[in-house]
């Protein structure tokens, strides 16, 4: 496959989490749609992450672009903006280094993409004990996406399990009736690079809590609409502690989002272009 065939970039954010990132990269190596590159948005990881990416590049079919900056606390918005600039294609899917994609994940994003829209996917949260049990083998044979296998390993019954078991028809019905807004979600969303650049990417004042939603709100203000694909484009979310979560950061971000909505802002002065 020649490099010129690539038409989609997938930004994966990560920070010192090689065990989970390796599983995620195996998930992308199992995709039915293969015309993509992976751009790692690395928020200051140690050498261990680079060593993993060097090893995986020998194993996987897709090119890996590693975008890194010095560790300066939780600066996900900054590294995502650098990764957006580094993307070599017109279409960008964003997800996280703890979200394993089902084998049709990229295919679904490509199938539903449309000029003037961004796509909003969902995730399926797993507890730590099941997260640990997922292996390269259970990713490649898709067992880790089967409700029966997950239940054998301790998953409880829930309506949310429909996310994993819905076929195309059921998925479209569930997408239509879900009360969840089709917002920009950092773990599973996609859009056109020119639209993301037109709103100047992420607001770098924002740390943990809603910086992805705020980007989506500026896209809405620009006239971009959204489509709900949370039951089509499935990722399983591996468990991890959130040491960077703090109320002060969340409150500051809510104030920025309020301004974005009230003033109908389509641009941030704290984004890709300073």
C-alpha atoms as a PDB file:
ATOM      1  CA  UNK A   1       0.000   0.000   0.000  1.00  0.00           C
ATOM      2  CA  UNK A   2       1.538   3.318  -1.054  1.00  0.00           C
ATOM      3  CA  UNK A   3       1.618   6.294   1.269  1.00  0.00           C
ATOM      4  CA  UNK A   4      -0.464   8.295  -1.233  1.00  0.00           C
ATOM      5  CA  UNK A   5      -3.421   5.978  -0.542  1.00  0.00           C
ATOM      6  CA  UNK A   6      -3.812   7.290   3.009  1.00  0.00           C
ATOM      7  CA  UNK A   7      -6.869   9.542   3.378  1.00  0.00           C
ATOM      8  CA  UNK A   8      -7.491   9.558   7.143  1.00  0.00           C
ATOM      9  CA  UNK A   9      -5.422  10.522  10.187  1.00  0.00           C
ATOM     10  CA  UNK A  10      -6.139   9.116  13.637  1.00  0.00           C
ATOM     11  CA  UNK A  11      -4.871  11.151  16.570  1.00  0.00           C
ATOM     12  CA  UNK A  12      -4.316   9.063  19.704  1.00  0.00           C
ATOM     13  CA  UNK A  13      -3.500  10.963  22.899  1.00  0.00           C
ATOM     14  CA  UNK A  14      -1.240   9.277  25.446  1.00  0.00           C
ATOM     15  CA  UNK A  15       0.862   9.881  28.546  1.00  0.00           C
ATOM     16  CA  UNK A  16       3.078   7.203  30.140  1.00  0.00           C
ATOM     17  CA  UNK A  17       0.635   4.354  29.566  1.00  0.00           C
ATOM     18  CA  UNK A  18       2.451   1.862  27.348  1.00  0.00           C
ATOM     19  CA  UNK A  19       0.552  -1.236  28.507  1.00  0.00           C
ATOM     20  CA  UNK A  20      -2.763   0.252  27.361  1.00  0.00           C
ATOM     21  CA  UNK A  21      -1.320   1.996  24.269  1.00  0.00           C
ATOM     22  CA  UNK A  22       0.081  -1.291  22.964  1.00  0.00           C
ATOM     23  CA  UNK A  23      -3.393  -2.886  23.097  1.00  0.00           C
ATOM     24  CA  UNK A  24      -4.876   0.143  21.315  1.00  0.00           C
ATOM     25  CA  UNK A  25      -2.284  -0.064  18.519  1.00  0.00           C
ATOM     26  CA  UNK A  26      -3.114  -3.767  18.031  1.00  0.00           C
ATOM     27  CA  UNK A  27      -6.764  -2.711  17.699  1.00  0.00           C
ATOM     28  CA  UNK A  28      -5.842  -0.392  14.825  1.00  0.00           C
ATOM     29  CA  UNK A  29      -3.777  -3.145  13.213  1.00  0.00           C
ATOM     30  CA  UNK A  30      -6.985  -5.203  13.054  1.00  0.00           C
ATOM     31  CA  UNK A  31      -9.049  -2.635  11.111  1.00  0.00           C
ATOM     32  CA  UNK A  32     -11.084  -3.519   8.018  1.00  0.00           C
ATOM     33  CA  UNK A  33     -10.398  -0.016   6.580  1.00  0.00           C
ATOM     34  CA  UNK A  34      -6.668   0.509   6.220  1.00  0.00           C
ATOM     35  CA  UNK A  35      -6.014   3.804   4.455  1.00  0.00           C
ATOM     36  CA  UNK A  36      -4.952   5.704   7.566  1.00  0.00           C
ATOM     37  CA  UNK A  37      -2.001   6.946   9.569  1.00  0.00           C
ATOM     38  CA  UNK A  38      -1.749   7.082  13.356  1.00  0.00           C
ATOM     39  CA  UNK A  39      -0.550  10.347  14.913  1.00  0.00           C
ATOM     40  CA  UNK A  40       0.415   9.896  18.568  1.00  0.00           C
ATOM     41  CA  UNK A  41      -0.231  13.053  20.627  1.00  0.00           C
ATOM     42  CA  UNK A  42       2.226  12.383  23.458  1.00  0.00           C
ATOM     43  CA  UNK A  43       1.869  14.760  26.400  1.00  0.00           C
ATOM     44  CA  UNK A  44       5.452  14.303  27.630  1.00  0.00           C
ATOM     45  CA  UNK A  45       5.898  10.547  28.138  1.00  0.00           C
ATOM     46  CA  UNK A  46       9.276   9.032  28.993  1.00  0.00           C
ATOM     47  CA  UNK A  47      11.478   7.101  26.547  1.00  0.00           C
ATOM     48  CA  UNK A  48       9.415   3.942  27.212  1.00  0.00           C
ATOM     49  CA  UNK A  49       6.599   5.197  24.950  1.00  0.00           C
ATOM     50  CA  UNK A  50       8.996   5.976  22.095  1.00  0.00           C
ATOM     51  CA  UNK A  51      10.533   2.491  22.453  1.00  0.00           C
ATOM     52  CA  UNK A  52       7.054   0.926  22.218  1.00  0.00           C
ATOM     53  CA  UNK A  53       6.219   2.952  19.088  1.00  0.00           C
ATOM     54  CA  UNK A  54       9.531   1.976  17.437  1.00  0.00           C
ATOM     55  CA  UNK A  55       8.806  -1.695  18.128  1.00  0.00           C
ATOM     56  CA  UNK A  56       5.157  -1.491  17.011  1.00  0.00           C
ATOM     57  CA  UNK A  57       6.110   0.278  13.775  1.00  0.00           C
ATOM     58  CA  UNK A  58       7.851  -2.975  12.768  1.00  0.00           C
ATOM     59  CA  UNK A  59       4.672  -4.946  13.487  1.00  0.00           C
ATOM     60  CA  UNK A  60       1.772  -2.862  12.167  1.00  0.00           C
ATOM     61  CA  UNK A  61       0.732  -1.974   8.601  1.00  0.00           C
ATOM     62  CA  UNK A  62       0.067   1.744   9.206  1.00  0.00           C
ATOM     63  CA  UNK A  63       2.577   4.594   9.565  1.00  0.00           C
ATOM     64  CA  UNK A  64       3.006   6.028  13.073  1.00  0.00           C
ATOM     65  CA  UNK A  65       3.831   9.720  13.531  1.00  0.00           C
ATOM     66  CA  UNK A  66       5.054  10.502  17.066  1.00  0.00           C
ATOM     67  CA  UNK A  67       4.328  14.084  18.210  1.00  0.00           C
ATOM     68  CA  UNK A  68       5.882  14.767  21.639  1.00  0.00           C
ATOM     69  CA  UNK A  69       6.596  17.723  23.897  1.00  0.00           C
ATOM     70  CA  UNK A  70       8.230  18.129  27.313  1.00  0.00           C
ATOM     71  CA  UNK A  71       6.182  17.035  30.322  1.00  0.00           C
ATOM     72  CA  UNK A  72       4.628  20.188  31.792  1.00  0.00           C
ATOM     73  CA  UNK A  73       1.664  18.726  33.682  1.00  0.00           C
ATOM     74  CA  UNK A  74      -1.647  17.957  31.946  1.00  0.00           C
ATOM     75  CA  UNK A  75      -1.312  19.822  28.610  1.00  0.00           C
ATOM     76  CA  UNK A  76      -3.489  17.664  26.391  1.00  0.00           C
ATOM     77  CA  UNK A  77      -4.923  20.640  24.464  1.00  0.00           C
ATOM     78  CA  UNK A  78      -1.418  21.808  23.505  1.00  0.00           C
ATOM     79  CA  UNK A  79      -0.220  18.417  22.271  1.00  0.00           C
ATOM     80  CA  UNK A  80      -3.485  17.794  20.379  1.00  0.00           C
ATOM     81  CA  UNK A  81      -2.992  21.066  18.497  1.00  0.00           C
ATOM     82  CA  UNK A  82       0.554  20.012  17.559  1.00  0.00           C
ATOM     83  CA  UNK A  83      -0.828  16.646  16.403  1.00  0.00           C
ATOM     84  CA  UNK A  84      -3.548  18.317  14.276  1.00  0.00           C
ATOM     85  CA  UNK A  85      -0.849  20.291  12.442  1.00  0.00           C
ATOM     86  CA  UNK A  86       1.139  17.066  11.909  1.00  0.00           C
ATOM     87  CA  UNK A  87      -1.789  15.209  10.268  1.00  0.00           C
ATOM     88  CA  UNK A  88      -1.108  14.492   6.581  1.00  0.00           C
ATOM     89  CA  UNK A  89      -4.698  13.966   5.415  1.00  0.00           C
ATOM     90  CA  UNK A  90      -7.937  15.982   5.106  1.00  0.00           C
ATOM     91  CA  UNK A  91      -9.877  13.908   7.675  1.00  0.00           C
ATOM     92  CA  UNK A  92      -9.086  13.433  11.369  1.00  0.00           C
ATOM     93  CA  UNK A  93     -10.432  10.875  13.845  1.00  0.00           C
ATOM     94  CA  UNK A  94      -9.557  11.503  17.503  1.00  0.00           C
ATOM     95  CA  UNK A  95      -9.393   8.938  20.263  1.00  0.00           C
ATOM     96  CA  UNK A  96      -7.332   8.087  23.333  1.00  0.00           C
ATOM     97  CA  UNK A  97      -4.518   5.713  24.174  1.00  0.00           C
ATOM     98  CA  UNK A  98      -6.830   3.746  26.472  1.00  0.00           C
ATOM     99  CA  UNK A  99      -9.595   3.108  23.887  1.00  0.00           C
ATOM    100  CA  UNK A 100      -9.348  -0.086  21.803  1.00  0.00           C
ATOM    101  CA  UNK A 101     -11.257   0.222  18.506  1.00  0.00           C
ATOM    102  CA  UNK A 102     -13.474  -2.565  17.199  1.00  0.00           C
ATOM    103  CA  UNK A 103     -12.313  -3.757  13.777  1.00  0.00           C
ATOM    104  CA  UNK A 104     -14.928  -1.685  11.903  1.00  0.00           C
ATOM    105  CA  UNK A 105     -14.218   1.512  13.872  1.00  0.00           C
ATOM    106  CA  UNK A 106     -12.346   3.406  11.142  1.00  0.00           C
ATOM    107  CA  UNK A 107     -14.650   2.007   8.459  1.00  0.00           C
ATOM    108  CA  UNK A 108     -17.703   3.447  10.281  1.00  0.00           C
ATOM    109  CA  UNK A 109     -16.143   6.906  10.627  1.00  0.00           C
ATOM    110  CA  UNK A 110     -15.217   6.904   6.933  1.00  0.00           C
ATOM    111  CA  UNK A 111     -18.657   5.616   5.915  1.00  0.00           C
ATOM    112  CA  UNK A 112     -20.574   8.373   7.745  1.00  0.00           C
ATOM    113  CA  UNK A 113     -18.237  11.310   7.164  1.00  0.00           C
ATOM    114  CA  UNK A 114     -19.775  14.164   5.197  1.00  0.00           C
ATOM    115  CA  UNK A 115     -18.856  17.750   4.326  1.00  0.00           C
ATOM    116  CA  UNK A 116     -20.305  20.190   6.863  1.00  0.00           C
ATOM    117  CA  UNK A 117     -20.492  17.613   9.682  1.00  0.00           C
ATOM    118  CA  UNK A 118     -18.448  16.077  12.452  1.00  0.00           C
ATOM    119  CA  UNK A 119     -19.139  12.636  13.907  1.00  0.00           C
ATOM    120  CA  UNK A 120     -19.697  11.827  17.572  1.00  0.00           C
ATOM    121  CA  UNK A 121     -18.957   8.294  18.790  1.00  0.00           C
ATOM    122  CA  UNK A 122     -19.192   6.704  22.210  1.00  0.00           C
ATOM    123  CA  UNK A 123     -17.215   4.337  24.375  1.00  0.00           C
ATOM    124  CA  UNK A 124     -17.798   1.263  26.482  1.00  0.00           C
ATOM    125  CA  UNK A 125     -16.128   1.500  29.897  1.00  0.00           C
ATOM    126  CA  UNK A 126     -14.489  -1.620  31.316  1.00  0.00           C
ATOM    127  CA  UNK A 127     -13.364  -2.270  34.890  1.00  0.00           C
ATOM    128  CA  UNK A 128      -9.654  -2.759  35.649  1.00  0.00           C
ATOM    129  CA  UNK A 129      -9.745  -6.557  36.043  1.00  0.00           C
ATOM    130  CA  UNK A 130     -11.214  -7.035  32.533  1.00  0.00           C
ATOM    131  CA  UNK A 131      -8.914  -4.338  31.073  1.00  0.00           C
ATOM    132  CA  UNK A 132      -5.925  -6.349  32.305  1.00  0.00           C
ATOM    133  CA  UNK A 133      -7.232  -9.611  30.787  1.00  0.00           C
ATOM    134  CA  UNK A 134      -7.464  -8.216  27.250  1.00  0.00           C
ATOM    135  CA  UNK A 135      -4.583  -9.522  25.144  1.00  0.00           C
ATOM    136  CA  UNK A 136      -3.325  -9.172  21.585  1.00  0.00           C
ATOM    137  CA  UNK A 137      -5.107 -12.460  20.845  1.00  0.00           C
ATOM    138  CA  UNK A 138      -8.507 -11.378  22.251  1.00  0.00           C
ATOM    139  CA  UNK A 139      -8.203  -8.119  20.265  1.00  0.00           C
ATOM    140  CA  UNK A 140      -7.371  -9.890  16.990  1.00  0.00           C
ATOM    141  CA  UNK A 141     -10.144 -12.497  17.392  1.00  0.00           C
ATOM    142  CA  UNK A 142     -12.582  -9.768  18.618  1.00  0.00           C
ATOM    143  CA  UNK A 143     -13.459 -11.664  21.823  1.00  0.00           C
ATOM    144  CA  UNK A 144     -12.912  -8.531  23.914  1.00  0.00           C
ATOM    145  CA  UNK A 145     -15.892  -6.944  22.083  1.00  0.00           C
ATOM    146  CA  UNK A 146     -18.202  -9.914  22.716  1.00  0.00           C
ATOM    147  CA  UNK A 147     -20.635  -9.449  25.591  1.00  0.00           C
ATOM    148  CA  UNK A 148     -20.471 -13.195  26.327  1.00  0.00           C
ATOM    149  CA  UNK A 149     -16.672 -13.146  26.786  1.00  0.00           C
ATOM    150  CA  UNK A 150     -16.845  -9.975  28.882  1.00  0.00           C
ATOM    151  CA  UNK A 151     -19.561 -11.507  31.088  1.00  0.00           C
ATOM    152  CA  UNK A 152     -17.429 -14.623  31.597  1.00  0.00           C
ATOM    153  CA  UNK A 153     -14.761 -12.242  32.851  1.00  0.00           C
ATOM    154  CA  UNK A 154     -17.009 -10.369  35.252  1.00  0.00           C
ATOM    155  CA  UNK A 155     -19.028  -7.841  33.213  1.00  0.00           C
ATOM    156  CA  UNK A 156     -22.456  -7.120  34.691  1.00  0.00           C
ATOM    157  CA  UNK A 157     -25.680  -7.031  32.660  1.00  0.00           C
ATOM    158  CA  UNK A 158     -26.600  -3.514  31.495  1.00  0.00           C
ATOM    159  CA  UNK A 159     -28.484  -1.682  28.735  1.00  0.00           C
ATOM    160  CA  UNK A 160     -25.103  -0.221  27.798  1.00  0.00           C
ATOM    161  CA  UNK A 161     -24.061  -3.671  26.579  1.00  0.00           C
ATOM    162  CA  UNK A 162     -26.146  -2.877  23.466  1.00  0.00           C
ATOM    163  CA  UNK A 163     -23.245  -0.694  22.346  1.00  0.00           C
ATOM    164  CA  UNK A 164     -21.264  -3.847  21.710  1.00  0.00           C
ATOM    165  CA  UNK A 165     -23.999  -6.120  20.403  1.00  0.00           C
ATOM    166  CA  UNK A 166     -26.054  -3.823  18.156  1.00  0.00           C
ATOM    167  CA  UNK A 167     -26.011  -4.665  14.452  1.00  0.00           C
ATOM    168  CA  UNK A 168     -26.377  -1.923  11.813  1.00  0.00           C
ATOM    169  CA  UNK A 169     -30.172  -1.568  12.008  1.00  0.00           C
ATOM    170  CA  UNK A 170     -30.345  -1.635  15.801  1.00  0.00           C
ATOM    171  CA  UNK A 171     -27.381   0.776  15.959  1.00  0.00           C
ATOM    172  CA  UNK A 172     -29.152   3.327  13.755  1.00  0.00           C
ATOM    173  CA  UNK A 173     -32.316   3.079  15.882  1.00  0.00           C
ATOM    174  CA  UNK A 174     -30.344   3.481  19.133  1.00  0.00           C
ATOM    175  CA  UNK A 175     -28.415   6.436  17.657  1.00  0.00           C
ATOM    176  CA  UNK A 176     -31.735   8.096  16.781  1.00  0.00           C
ATOM    177  CA  UNK A 177     -33.284   7.666  20.244  1.00  0.00           C
ATOM    178  CA  UNK A 178     -30.280   8.215  22.516  1.00  0.00           C
ATOM    179  CA  UNK A 179     -30.703  11.244  24.797  1.00  0.00           C
ATOM    180  CA  UNK A 180     -26.938  11.904  24.607  1.00  0.00           C
ATOM    181  CA  UNK A 181     -25.955  14.950  22.546  1.00  0.00           C
ATOM    182  CA  UNK A 182     -23.797  14.392  19.475  1.00  0.00           C
ATOM    183  CA  UNK A 183     -20.950  16.450  20.933  1.00  0.00           C
ATOM    184  CA  UNK A 184     -17.231  16.395  20.115  1.00  0.00           C
ATOM    185  CA  UNK A 185     -15.832  13.657  22.384  1.00  0.00           C
ATOM    186  CA  UNK A 186     -12.070  13.352  22.737  1.00  0.00           C
ATOM    187  CA  UNK A 187     -12.275   9.568  23.012  1.00  0.00           C
ATOM    188  CA  UNK A 188     -14.246   9.061  19.781  1.00  0.00           C
ATOM    189  CA  UNK A 189     -14.989  11.868  17.325  1.00  0.00           C
ATOM    190  CA  UNK A 190     -13.969  12.846  13.813  1.00  0.00           C
ATOM    191  CA  UNK A 191     -14.091  15.811  11.496  1.00  0.00           C
ATOM    192  CA  UNK A 192     -12.458  17.605   8.584  1.00  0.00           C
ATOM    193  CA  UNK A 193      -9.038  19.063   9.278  1.00  0.00           C
ATOM    194  CA  UNK A 194      -9.972  22.328   7.534  1.00  0.00           C
ATOM    195  CA  UNK A 195     -12.969  22.766   9.890  1.00  0.00           C
ATOM    196  CA  UNK A 196     -10.864  22.059  13.001  1.00  0.00           C
ATOM    197  CA  UNK A 197      -8.188  24.502  11.801  1.00  0.00           C
ATOM    198  CA  UNK A 198     -10.905  27.075  10.931  1.00  0.00           C
ATOM    199  CA  UNK A 199     -11.853  27.287  14.638  1.00  0.00           C
ATOM    200  CA  UNK A 200      -8.138  27.252  15.620  1.00  0.00           C
ATOM    201  CA  UNK A 201      -8.160  23.819  17.271  1.00  0.00           C
ATOM    202  CA  UNK A 202      -8.287  23.345  21.034  1.00  0.00           C
ATOM    203  CA  UNK A 203      -8.230  26.192  23.557  1.00  0.00           C
ATOM    204  CA  UNK A 204      -4.882  25.677  25.309  1.00  0.00           C
ATOM    205  CA  UNK A 205      -6.032  27.459  28.469  1.00  0.00           C
ATOM    206  CA  UNK A 206      -8.188  24.408  29.092  1.00  0.00           C
ATOM    207  CA  UNK A 207      -6.756  21.444  30.951  1.00  0.00           C
ATOM    208  CA  UNK A 208      -8.830  18.517  32.220  1.00  0.00           C
ATOM    209  CA  UNK A 209     -12.587  18.625  31.701  1.00  0.00           C
ATOM    210  CA  UNK A 210     -14.538  19.505  28.581  1.00  0.00           C
ATOM    211  CA  UNK A 211     -11.874  20.917  26.264  1.00  0.00           C
ATOM    212  CA  UNK A 212     -13.164  18.545  23.568  1.00  0.00           C
ATOM    213  CA  UNK A 213     -16.768  19.750  24.043  1.00  0.00           C
ATOM    214  CA  UNK A 214     -15.665  23.378  23.748  1.00  0.00           C
ATOM    215  CA  UNK A 215     -14.006  22.659  20.391  1.00  0.00           C
ATOM    216  CA  UNK A 216     -17.311  21.112  19.258  1.00  0.00           C
ATOM    217  CA  UNK A 217     -19.230  24.173  20.434  1.00  0.00           C
ATOM    218  CA  UNK A 218     -17.064  26.428  18.255  1.00  0.00           C
ATOM    219  CA  UNK A 219     -17.624  24.066  15.310  1.00  0.00           C
ATOM    220  CA  UNK A 220     -21.401  24.374  15.884  1.00  0.00           C
ATOM    221  CA  UNK A 221     -21.050  28.164  16.002  1.00  0.00           C
ATOM    222  CA  UNK A 222     -19.228  27.978  12.662  1.00  0.00           C
ATOM    223  CA  UNK A 223     -22.257  26.178  11.179  1.00  0.00           C
ATOM    224  CA  UNK A 224     -20.870  22.626  11.273  1.00  0.00           C
ATOM    225  CA  UNK A 225     -23.514  20.065  12.291  1.00  0.00           C
ATOM    226  CA  UNK A 226     -22.926  16.756  14.055  1.00  0.00           C
ATOM    227  CA  UNK A 227     -24.015  13.156  13.522  1.00  0.00           C
ATOM    228  CA  UNK A 228     -24.480  10.572  16.248  1.00  0.00           C
ATOM    229  CA  UNK A 229     -22.596   7.286  15.654  1.00  0.00           C
ATOM    230  CA  UNK A 230     -22.101   6.102  19.234  1.00  0.00           C
ATOM    231  CA  UNK A 231     -23.627   2.694  18.470  1.00  0.00           C
ATOM    232  CA  UNK A 232     -21.730   2.230  15.162  1.00  0.00           C
ATOM    233  CA  UNK A 233     -18.152   3.276  15.891  1.00  0.00           C
ATOM    234  CA  UNK A 234     -17.304   1.337  19.022  1.00  0.00           C
ATOM    235  CA  UNK A 235     -14.280   1.581  21.320  1.00  0.00           C
ATOM    236  CA  UNK A 236     -13.777  -0.190  24.625  1.00  0.00           C
ATOM    237  CA  UNK A 237     -12.340   2.103  27.272  1.00  0.00           C
ATOM    238  CA  UNK A 238      -9.713   0.552  29.538  1.00  0.00           C
ATOM    239  CA  UNK A 239      -9.749   1.568  33.187  1.00  0.00           C
ATOM    240  CA  UNK A 240      -7.192   3.968  34.716  1.00  0.00           C
ATOM    241  CA  UNK A 241      -6.875   6.400  37.621  1.00  0.00           C
ATOM    242  CA  UNK A 242      -7.411  10.109  36.826  1.00  0.00           C
ATOM    243  CA  UNK A 243      -4.843  11.859  38.980  1.00  0.00           C
ATOM    244  CA  UNK A 244      -5.110  15.035  36.915  1.00  0.00           C
ATOM    245  CA  UNK A 245      -8.832  15.541  37.570  1.00  0.00           C
ATOM    246  CA  UNK A 246      -9.466  18.594  39.741  1.00  0.00           C
ATOM    247  CA  UNK A 247     -12.450  20.816  40.416  1.00  0.00           C
ATOM    248  CA  UNK A 248     -10.562  24.073  39.836  1.00  0.00           C
ATOM    249  CA  UNK A 249      -9.652  23.088  36.274  1.00  0.00           C
ATOM    250  CA  UNK A 250     -13.223  21.925  35.566  1.00  0.00           C
ATOM    251  CA  UNK A 251     -14.696  25.218  36.872  1.00  0.00           C
ATOM    252  CA  UNK A 252     -12.277  27.296  34.773  1.00  0.00           C
ATOM    253  CA  UNK A 253     -13.171  25.271  31.690  1.00  0.00           C
ATOM    254  CA  UNK A 254     -16.908  25.638  32.304  1.00  0.00           C
ATOM    255  CA  UNK A 255     -16.454  29.415  32.366  1.00  0.00           C
ATOM    256  CA  UNK A 256     -14.610  29.313  29.010  1.00  0.00           C
ATOM    257  CA  UNK A 257     -17.348  27.141  27.510  1.00  0.00           C
ATOM    258  CA  UNK A 258     -20.047  29.523  28.807  1.00  0.00           C
ATOM    259  CA  UNK A 259     -18.316  32.436  27.022  1.00  0.00           C
ATOM    260  CA  UNK A 260     -17.983  30.399  23.823  1.00  0.00           C
ATOM    261  CA  UNK A 261     -21.735  29.707  23.824  1.00  0.00           C
ATOM    262  CA  UNK A 262     -22.945  33.152  24.923  1.00  0.00           C
ATOM    263  CA  UNK A 263     -20.674  35.052  22.519  1.00  0.00           C
ATOM    264  CA  UNK A 264     -21.170  32.533  19.702  1.00  0.00           C
ATOM    265  CA  UNK A 265     -17.401  32.227  19.338  1.00  0.00           C
ATOM    266  CA  UNK A 266     -15.945  30.377  16.329  1.00  0.00           C
ATOM    267  CA  UNK A 267     -12.297  31.101  17.182  1.00  0.00           C
ATOM    268  CA  UNK A 268      -9.992  30.858  20.189  1.00  0.00           C
ATOM    269  CA  UNK A 269      -6.973  33.133  20.532  1.00  0.00           C
ATOM    270  CA  UNK A 270      -5.323  30.344  22.543  1.00  0.00           C
ATOM    271  CA  UNK A 271      -5.276  27.640  19.874  1.00  0.00           C
ATOM    272  CA  UNK A 272      -3.067  26.440  17.021  1.00  0.00           C
ATOM    273  CA  UNK A 273      -2.270  29.992  15.876  1.00  0.00           C
ATOM    274  CA  UNK A 274      -1.270  32.286  18.738  1.00  0.00           C
END
